[in-house]
Protein backbone atom coordinates (compact mmCIF):
# COMPACT_ATOMS: atom_id res chain seq x y z
CA MET A 1 -8.92 25.82 -13.67
CA LYS A 2 -5.74 25.43 -11.81
CA GLN A 3 -3.50 22.83 -11.37
CA ALA A 4 -3.63 23.40 -7.88
CA ASP A 5 -7.44 22.64 -8.19
CA ILE A 6 -7.32 19.19 -10.62
CA LYS A 7 -7.46 16.21 -7.93
CA PHE A 8 -6.44 12.79 -8.73
CA THR A 9 -9.02 10.00 -8.08
CA TYR A 10 -8.80 6.26 -8.24
CA ASN A 11 -9.71 5.49 -11.66
CA ASP A 12 -6.90 7.91 -12.67
CA TYR A 13 -4.56 5.75 -10.33
CA VAL A 14 -5.90 2.57 -11.95
CA LYS A 15 -4.40 4.20 -15.34
CA LEU A 16 -0.84 4.91 -14.16
CA PRO A 17 1.75 2.61 -16.01
CA ASP A 18 2.69 -0.14 -13.33
CA ASP A 19 6.08 0.40 -14.06
CA LYS A 20 6.56 2.89 -10.48
CA ARG A 21 4.70 3.25 -7.45
CA TYR A 22 2.43 6.37 -6.60
CA GLU A 23 -0.67 6.70 -4.92
CA ILE A 24 -2.83 9.54 -4.20
CA VAL A 25 -3.53 10.96 -1.00
CA GLU A 26 -6.01 13.36 -0.34
CA GLY A 27 -6.47 13.87 -4.41
CA GLU A 28 -2.64 14.34 -4.86
CA LEU A 29 -1.10 12.51 -6.55
CA TYR A 30 2.70 10.87 -5.58
CA LEU A 31 5.72 9.08 -6.92
CA VAL A 32 6.80 6.59 -4.22
CA PRO A 33 10.56 5.89 -4.67
CA ALA A 34 12.09 2.50 -3.93
CA PRO A 35 13.20 1.63 0.05
CA ASP A 36 16.59 1.40 0.33
CA LEU A 37 18.56 -1.79 1.32
CA ARG A 38 18.18 -1.15 5.65
CA HIS A 39 14.35 -0.91 4.68
CA GLN A 40 14.24 -3.46 3.08
CA ARG A 41 16.23 -5.54 5.83
CA ILE A 42 14.08 -3.82 8.36
CA LEU A 43 10.85 -4.86 6.28
CA ARG A 44 11.57 -8.75 5.82
CA LYS A 45 12.21 -8.90 9.73
CA LEU A 46 9.61 -7.20 10.51
CA GLY A 47 7.20 -9.08 7.95
CA THR A 48 8.64 -11.51 9.24
CA MET A 49 7.32 -11.75 13.33
CA ILE A 50 3.98 -10.05 12.20
CA SER A 51 3.51 -13.45 9.42
CA ILE A 52 5.04 -15.90 12.00
CA HIS A 53 2.47 -14.56 14.96
CA ALA A 54 -0.48 -14.28 13.25
CA GLU A 55 0.01 -18.03 11.90
CA ARG A 56 0.36 -18.94 15.29
CA ASN A 57 -2.23 -17.39 16.38
CA HIS A 58 -5.04 -17.89 12.71
CA LEU A 59 -5.66 -13.88 13.19
CA GLY A 60 -4.59 -13.06 9.41
CA GLU A 61 -2.29 -12.63 6.31
CA VAL A 62 0.74 -10.31 6.32
CA PHE A 63 0.99 -8.11 2.50
CA TYR A 64 3.87 -6.61 0.72
CA ALA A 65 4.06 -3.56 -1.80
CA PRO A 66 2.94 -3.12 -4.36
CA CYS A 67 -1.23 -3.50 -2.95
CA ASP A 68 -3.52 -1.10 -2.75
CA VAL A 69 -5.34 0.05 0.19
CA VAL A 70 -7.99 2.65 -0.83
CA PHE A 71 -9.35 4.56 1.68
CA SER A 72 -11.30 6.74 -0.43
CA GLU A 73 -11.45 8.05 -4.29
CA ILE A 74 -9.34 10.20 -3.29
CA ASN A 75 -7.11 8.57 -0.86
CA VAL A 76 -5.23 5.30 -2.27
CA VAL A 77 -1.43 3.91 -1.66
CA GLN A 78 0.34 1.05 -0.99
CA PRO A 79 1.69 0.18 2.21
CA ASP A 80 4.96 -1.35 2.59
CA LEU A 81 3.94 -4.15 4.74
CA LEU A 82 -0.18 -4.94 5.31
CA PHE A 83 -1.82 -7.17 7.78
CA VAL A 84 -5.50 -7.67 6.71
CA SER A 85 -6.52 -9.42 9.98
CA GLY A 86 -9.29 -13.13 9.15
CA ALA A 87 -12.16 -10.77 9.17
CA ARG A 88 -11.21 -9.48 6.21
CA THR A 89 -9.11 -11.74 4.55
CA VAL A 90 -10.94 -11.63 1.07
CA SER A 91 -9.63 -14.70 -1.44
């Protein structure tokens, strides 16, 4: 089996160390670099605006990375900002 044939899965993902951010897209493992300060400032402002709107209208919650989003066994990401509607919120 060639290196290119190896597909990473969620099971592999959960075994990775917590000291870095990783994502798996179509079975390919990616190391995600830390965002720069400009990115963080924009994220903070956007997150605050979305959170205020969501809370006022009882729409759901906003979360920040690291927070795993598992789309499938071979697609696992950690978005910087994540909105979860009230209908999909899990305690």
